[in-house]
Amino acid sequence: MIAAGQTIDTAFTLKVVQDGEVREVVFRDLLTKPVIVSVYMKNNTGSCDKQNDSLVAHASEFAKAGYRLIALSRDTCGSHLKYAAKKNITYTLASDPSDAFARATDSLVEKSMYGRTFQGPVRAAYIINTQGKVLRVIEKVDTKDHSAQIKAALATL
C-alpha cells in the first residue's frame, strides 16, 4: 500500500456522480483542491452504509476545511445515483469497477468470501494534495466513526 509522502499516478479515468449528474473524469482533474478519498466496498450494505453515514454527517465540515470528499467503490454510476438520493449524499461518488484507484495506490489485495478468493481494494482512506502526493493514509477504516478518523488525520497536517 502506498505510504504518506509518495505520489500516485493521477492519469487514470473514473466515472463520478456529483450533484445528480454522471461524468467521466481523469482523476487528476478532481485535484483542484486537496481530496479525501474514502474507499468502501458496496452500496446498500451494513458497514458501507455506516461508513457513508459518517461521511454524510460531516461532509460540510470537510468542505469548509478546503477538501473535496470522494467516496469510491466498484458500484456503477446508476447505483451511485440511487444511493446518493437515498442517503442524501452531496459529495462525489466515484465508480471504479476496474480498480484503477487501488492500482494507483498499490492497495489491491487478495480477499476471500464464502470460500472464493478474489482481488479487491482495501477499505481505506487517503488524503491527497493537488499534485497527487499522499499526505495521510487511514489503513483501517472504523466504519461507525470514519469522520473522526479523518478529522484526526487532518489535524496532523
Protein backbone atom coordinates (compact mmCIF):
# COMPACT_ATOMS: atom_id res chain seq x y z
CA MET A 1 0.00 0.00 0.00
CA ILE A 2 1.17 3.48 -0.79
CA ALA A 3 2.50 5.49 2.14
CA ALA A 4 2.30 9.15 3.11
CA GLY A 5 4.87 11.15 1.19
CA GLN A 6 4.56 9.13 -2.00
CA THR A 7 2.90 10.44 -5.17
CA ILE A 8 0.31 8.49 -7.13
CA ASP A 9 -0.16 8.34 -10.88
CA THR A 10 -3.25 10.51 -11.39
CA ALA A 11 -3.76 9.83 -15.11
CA PHE A 12 -6.46 7.16 -14.73
CA THR A 13 -10.12 7.66 -15.64
CA LEU A 14 -13.17 7.25 -13.40
CA LYS A 15 -16.86 7.88 -13.74
CA VAL A 16 -18.25 10.07 -10.97
CA VAL A 17 -21.63 11.13 -9.67
CA GLN A 18 -21.93 14.63 -8.31
CA ASP A 19 -24.97 16.88 -7.96
CA GLY A 20 -27.13 14.21 -9.62
CA GLU A 21 -25.01 14.08 -12.77
CA VAL A 22 -22.68 11.42 -14.15
CA ARG A 23 -19.46 12.33 -15.89
CA GLU A 24 -16.18 10.71 -16.81
CA VAL A 25 -13.05 12.38 -15.44
CA VAL A 26 -9.34 11.90 -15.25
CA PHE A 27 -8.54 11.60 -11.54
CA ARG A 28 -6.05 14.50 -11.65
CA ASP A 29 -8.95 16.78 -12.75
CA LEU A 30 -10.57 16.15 -9.34
CA LEU A 31 -7.47 17.59 -7.63
CA THR A 32 -8.50 21.23 -7.88
CA LYS A 33 -8.14 21.20 -4.09
CA PRO A 34 -6.87 18.52 -1.69
CA VAL A 35 -9.05 15.41 -1.65
CA ILE A 36 -10.15 12.84 0.87
CA VAL A 37 -10.79 9.52 -0.89
CA SER A 38 -12.73 7.03 1.21
CA VAL A 39 -12.78 3.55 -0.32
CA TYR A 40 -15.71 1.27 0.52
CA MET A 41 -16.94 -1.99 -0.91
CA LYS A 42 -20.59 -1.73 -1.95
CA ASN A 43 -23.64 0.49 -1.75
CA ASN A 44 -26.52 -0.65 0.46
CA THR A 45 -24.51 -2.95 2.72
CA GLY A 46 -24.31 -2.61 6.50
CA SER A 47 -20.73 -1.50 7.10
CA CYS A 48 -20.53 0.59 3.95
CA ASP A 49 -23.77 2.36 4.84
CA LYS A 50 -22.31 3.21 8.28
CA GLN A 51 -19.13 4.50 6.65
CA ASN A 52 -21.07 6.77 4.29
CA ASP A 53 -23.50 7.86 7.04
CA SER A 54 -20.48 9.11 8.99
CA LEU A 55 -19.23 10.99 5.92
CA VAL A 56 -22.66 12.50 5.20
CA ALA A 57 -22.87 13.84 8.76
CA HIS A 58 -19.54 15.69 8.43
CA ALA A 59 -19.18 16.39 4.70
CA SER A 60 -19.81 20.12 5.08
CA GLU A 61 -17.01 20.36 7.67
CA PHE A 62 -14.53 18.79 5.27
CA ALA A 63 -15.67 21.17 2.51
CA LYS A 64 -15.28 24.19 4.82
CA ALA A 65 -11.76 22.98 5.66
CA GLY A 66 -10.94 23.09 1.92
CA TYR A 67 -11.18 19.39 1.00
CA ARG A 68 -13.11 17.62 -1.74
CA LEU A 69 -14.66 14.43 -0.36
CA ILE A 70 -14.82 11.42 -2.66
CA ALA A 71 -16.30 8.04 -1.71
CA LEU A 72 -15.16 5.34 -4.12
CA SER A 73 -16.45 1.83 -4.79
CA ARG A 74 -16.89 -0.65 -7.62
CA ASP A 75 -20.60 0.21 -7.89
CA THR A 76 -21.99 1.57 -11.15
CA CYS A 77 -22.95 5.19 -11.53
CA GLY A 78 -26.58 4.10 -11.79
CA SER A 79 -26.29 2.52 -8.35
CA HIS A 80 -24.47 5.61 -7.08
CA LEU A 81 -27.25 7.92 -8.30
CA LYS A 82 -29.85 5.94 -6.34
CA TYR A 83 -27.55 5.65 -3.32
CA ALA A 84 -26.84 9.40 -3.26
CA ALA A 85 -30.56 10.16 -3.33
CA LYS A 86 -31.33 7.60 -0.63
CA LYS A 87 -28.51 8.72 1.71
CA ASN A 88 -28.60 12.49 0.94
CA ILE A 89 -25.00 12.34 -0.28
CA THR A 90 -23.72 15.69 -1.52
CA TYR A 91 -20.08 14.70 -2.04
CA THR A 92 -18.62 12.92 -5.07
CA LEU A 93 -19.25 9.20 -5.52
CA ALA A 94 -16.73 7.53 -7.82
CA SER A 95 -17.33 4.33 -9.77
CA ASP A 96 -14.17 2.25 -10.11
CA PRO A 97 -15.07 -1.27 -11.31
CA SER A 98 -11.60 -1.76 -12.81
CA ASP A 99 -9.84 -0.84 -9.53
CA ALA A 100 -7.80 1.95 -11.15
CA PHE A 101 -7.51 3.86 -7.85
CA ALA A 102 -6.48 0.70 -5.96
CA ARG A 103 -3.78 0.06 -8.56
CA ALA A 104 -2.55 3.66 -8.31
CA THR A 105 -2.31 3.38 -4.52
CA ASP A 106 -0.98 -0.20 -4.55
CA SER A 107 -3.93 -1.26 -2.41
CA LEU A 108 -5.37 -4.18 -4.34
CA VAL A 109 -5.23 -7.26 -2.13
CA GLU A 110 -6.36 -10.86 -2.09
CA LYS A 111 -9.67 -11.35 -0.30
CA SER A 112 -11.90 -14.31 0.35
CA MET A 113 -15.62 -14.68 0.88
CA TYR A 114 -17.71 -17.84 1.03
CA GLY A 115 -14.65 -19.91 0.12
CA ARG A 116 -13.94 -17.87 -3.01
CA THR A 117 -10.67 -15.97 -3.38
CA PHE A 118 -10.53 -12.75 -5.41
CA GLN A 119 -8.66 -9.45 -5.74
CA GLY A 120 -10.25 -6.34 -4.25
CA PRO A 121 -9.44 -2.86 -2.97
CA VAL A 122 -8.54 -2.27 0.66
CA ARG A 123 -11.16 -0.36 2.68
CA ALA A 124 -9.02 2.68 3.49
CA ALA A 125 -8.96 6.46 3.20
CA TYR A 126 -6.38 8.72 1.60
CA ILE A 127 -5.73 12.42 1.92
CA ILE A 128 -4.08 13.61 -1.29
CA ASN A 129 -2.84 17.07 -2.27
CA THR A 130 -3.36 18.81 -5.60
CA GLN A 131 -0.15 17.34 -7.04
CA GLY A 132 -1.15 13.74 -6.22
CA LYS A 133 1.08 13.45 -3.17
CA VAL A 134 -0.41 11.27 -0.43
CA LEU A 135 -0.44 13.25 2.80
CA ARG A 136 -2.05 10.62 5.06
CA VAL A 137 -3.40 7.07 4.78
CA ILE A 138 -6.02 5.63 7.12
CA GLU A 139 -5.34 1.93 6.62
CA LYS A 140 -8.15 0.52 8.73
CA VAL A 141 -11.46 2.32 8.49
CA ASP A 142 -13.71 2.43 11.55
CA THR A 143 -16.99 2.38 9.65
CA LYS A 144 -19.04 3.74 12.55
CA ASP A 145 -16.78 6.72 13.23
CA HIS A 146 -14.92 7.22 9.96
CA SER A 147 -15.24 11.01 10.04
CA ALA A 148 -13.47 11.17 13.41
CA GLN A 149 -10.59 9.21 11.90
CA ILE A 150 -10.37 11.65 9.01
CA LYS A 151 -10.55 14.67 11.33
CA ALA A 152 -7.72 13.23 13.45
CA ALA A 153 -5.60 12.68 10.31
CA LEU A 154 -6.31 16.22 9.07
CA ALA A 155 -5.32 17.66 12.48
CA THR A 156 -1.81 16.25 11.97
CA LEU A 157 -1.26 18.08 8.66
